[in-house]
Amino acid sequence: MKKQFMFERECVHRDRGADGDVYNGMFFVQALQRLQGSDAVKMAGKVTPFYWVDAPRVVVWLCRDCAAELHISDAPRAVLQGARR
């Protein structure tokens, strides 16, 4: 049986105790692609780096502010239900 690996990444605000949710890596990448170039670079710099090809196997923890900046906080499918508290 083949093992499934999930990679975890997070925004810089997690260490500061911010409230947030875990999002599917594909939704994170798609949200970045909708931003203007400089805004996308700025937002991507707030999250632990990963190769976009790995996005299907990545979960990204985002604080409420970062999720709102990406406009994915209102996309229920983006949030991983099993990871919610």
C-alpha atoms as a PDB file:
ATOM      1  CA  MET A   1       0.000   0.000   0.000  1.00  0.00           C
ATOM      2  CA  LYS A   2       1.338   3.403  -0.997  1.00  0.00           C
ATOM      3  CA  LYS A   3       1.757   5.940   1.820  1.00  0.00           C
ATOM      4  CA  GLN A   4       0.094   9.324   1.473  1.00  0.00           C
ATOM      5  CA  PHE A   5       2.268  12.206   2.651  1.00  0.00           C
ATOM      6  CA  MET A   6       0.878  15.590   3.615  1.00  0.00           C
ATOM      7  CA  PHE A   7       3.142  18.569   4.045  1.00  0.00           C
ATOM      8  CA  GLU A   8       2.195  21.281   6.526  1.00  0.00           C
ATOM      9  CA  ARG A   9       2.965  24.941   5.967  1.00  0.00           C
ATOM     10  CA  GLU A  10       1.883  28.010   7.905  1.00  0.00           C
ATOM     11  CA  CYS A  11       1.827  31.781   7.810  1.00  0.00           C
ATOM     12  CA  VAL A  12       4.194  33.785   9.989  1.00  0.00           C
ATOM     13  CA  HIS A  13       1.384  34.764  12.355  1.00  0.00           C
ATOM     14  CA  ARG A  14       0.906  31.281  13.819  1.00  0.00           C
ATOM     15  CA  ASP A  15       3.818  31.686  16.222  1.00  0.00           C
ATOM     16  CA  ARG A  16       2.157  34.819  17.589  1.00  0.00           C
ATOM     17  CA  GLY A  17      -0.915  32.859  18.654  1.00  0.00           C
ATOM     18  CA  ALA A  18      -3.276  34.167  15.977  1.00  0.00           C
ATOM     19  CA  ASP A  19      -6.534  32.349  15.295  1.00  0.00           C
ATOM     20  CA  GLY A  20      -6.780  30.608  11.933  1.00  0.00           C
ATOM     21  CA  ASP A  21      -7.730  27.593   9.857  1.00  0.00           C
ATOM     22  CA  VAL A  22      -6.040  24.950   7.737  1.00  0.00           C
ATOM     23  CA  TYR A  23      -6.582  25.293   3.987  1.00  0.00           C
ATOM     24  CA  ASN A  24      -6.053  23.019   1.028  1.00  0.00           C
ATOM     25  CA  GLY A  25      -2.760  23.869  -0.712  1.00  0.00           C
ATOM     26  CA  MET A  26      -4.435  24.049  -4.125  1.00  0.00           C
ATOM     27  CA  PHE A  27      -6.825  26.755  -2.929  1.00  0.00           C
ATOM     28  CA  PHE A  28      -3.878  28.704  -1.514  1.00  0.00           C
ATOM     29  CA  VAL A  29      -1.992  28.575  -4.827  1.00  0.00           C
ATOM     30  CA  GLN A  30      -5.102  29.494  -6.829  1.00  0.00           C
ATOM     31  CA  ALA A  31      -5.733  32.449  -4.511  1.00  0.00           C
ATOM     32  CA  LEU A  32      -2.136  33.637  -5.012  1.00  0.00           C
ATOM     33  CA  GLN A  33      -2.560  33.426  -8.776  1.00  0.00           C
ATOM     34  CA  ARG A  34      -5.535  35.803  -8.614  1.00  0.00           C
ATOM     35  CA  LEU A  35      -3.425  38.529  -6.965  1.00  0.00           C
ATOM     36  CA  GLN A  36      -1.313  41.142  -8.725  1.00  0.00           C
ATOM     37  CA  GLY A  37       2.364  40.163  -9.013  1.00  0.00           C
ATOM     38  CA  SER A  38       3.794  42.220  -6.146  1.00  0.00           C
ATOM     39  CA  ASP A  39       0.862  41.358  -3.856  1.00  0.00           C
ATOM     40  CA  ALA A  40       1.278  37.645  -4.620  1.00  0.00           C
ATOM     41  CA  VAL A  41       4.996  37.787  -3.822  1.00  0.00           C
ATOM     42  CA  LYS A  42       4.297  39.623  -0.566  1.00  0.00           C
ATOM     43  CA  MET A  43       1.655  37.083   0.502  1.00  0.00           C
ATOM     44  CA  ALA A  44       3.720  34.064  -0.553  1.00  0.00           C
ATOM     45  CA  GLY A  45       6.557  35.444   1.595  1.00  0.00           C
ATOM     46  CA  LYS A  46       4.314  35.168   4.669  1.00  0.00           C
ATOM     47  CA  VAL A  47       3.936  31.388   4.279  1.00  0.00           C
ATOM     48  CA  THR A  48       6.522  28.666   4.718  1.00  0.00           C
ATOM     49  CA  PRO A  49       7.704  27.953   1.149  1.00  0.00           C
ATOM     50  CA  PHE A  50       6.779  24.881  -0.861  1.00  0.00           C
ATOM     51  CA  TYR A  51       6.894  23.832  -4.495  1.00  0.00           C
ATOM     52  CA  TRP A  52       3.572  24.547  -6.176  1.00  0.00           C
ATOM     53  CA  VAL A  53       3.638  21.119  -7.795  1.00  0.00           C
ATOM     54  CA  ASP A  54       3.279  19.732  -4.253  1.00  0.00           C
ATOM     55  CA  ALA A  55       0.149  21.820  -3.572  1.00  0.00           C
ATOM     56  CA  PRO A  56      -2.241  18.824  -3.708  1.00  0.00           C
ATOM     57  CA  ARG A  57      -0.284  17.291  -0.819  1.00  0.00           C
ATOM     58  CA  VAL A  58       0.110  20.501   1.193  1.00  0.00           C
ATOM     59  CA  VAL A  59      -2.091  21.929   3.914  1.00  0.00           C
ATOM     60  CA  VAL A  60      -1.557  25.589   4.740  1.00  0.00           C
ATOM     61  CA  TRP A  61      -2.466  27.111   8.085  1.00  0.00           C
ATOM     62  CA  LEU A  62      -3.467  30.750   7.632  1.00  0.00           C
ATOM     63  CA  CYS A  63      -4.471  33.288  10.238  1.00  0.00           C
ATOM     64  CA  ARG A  64      -7.813  34.989   9.707  1.00  0.00           C
ATOM     65  CA  ASP A  65      -6.158  38.156   8.312  1.00  0.00           C
ATOM     66  CA  CYS A  66      -4.042  36.305   5.725  1.00  0.00           C
ATOM     67  CA  ALA A  67      -7.036  34.214   4.646  1.00  0.00           C
ATOM     68  CA  ALA A  68      -9.119  37.377   4.265  1.00  0.00           C
ATOM     69  CA  GLU A  69      -6.337  39.031   2.248  1.00  0.00           C
ATOM     70  CA  LEU A  70      -6.437  36.043  -0.114  1.00  0.00           C
ATOM     71  CA  HIS A  71     -10.249  36.043  -0.154  1.00  0.00           C
ATOM     72  CA  ILE A  72     -10.382  32.354   0.743  1.00  0.00           C
ATOM     73  CA  SER A  73     -11.841  32.747   4.227  1.00  0.00           C
ATOM     74  CA  ASP A  74     -15.299  32.761   2.655  1.00  0.00           C
ATOM     75  CA  ALA A  75     -14.677  29.646   0.519  1.00  0.00           C
ATOM     76  CA  PRO A  76     -15.913  26.729   2.652  1.00  0.00           C
ATOM     77  CA  ARG A  77     -14.397  24.101   0.344  1.00  0.00           C
ATOM     78  CA  ALA A  78     -10.944  25.621   0.905  1.00  0.00           C
ATOM     79  CA  VAL A  79     -10.995  24.859   4.635  1.00  0.00           C
ATOM     80  CA  LEU A  80     -10.102  21.319   5.579  1.00  0.00           C
ATOM     81  CA  GLN A  81     -13.016  20.249   7.772  1.00  0.00           C
ATOM     82  CA  GLY A  82     -11.082  17.592   9.678  1.00  0.00           C
ATOM     83  CA  ALA A  83      -8.496  20.145  10.723  1.00  0.00           C
ATOM     84  CA  ARG A  84     -10.943  22.700  12.122  1.00  0.00           C
ATOM     85  CA  ARG A  85     -11.062  23.135  15.875  1.00  0.00           C
END
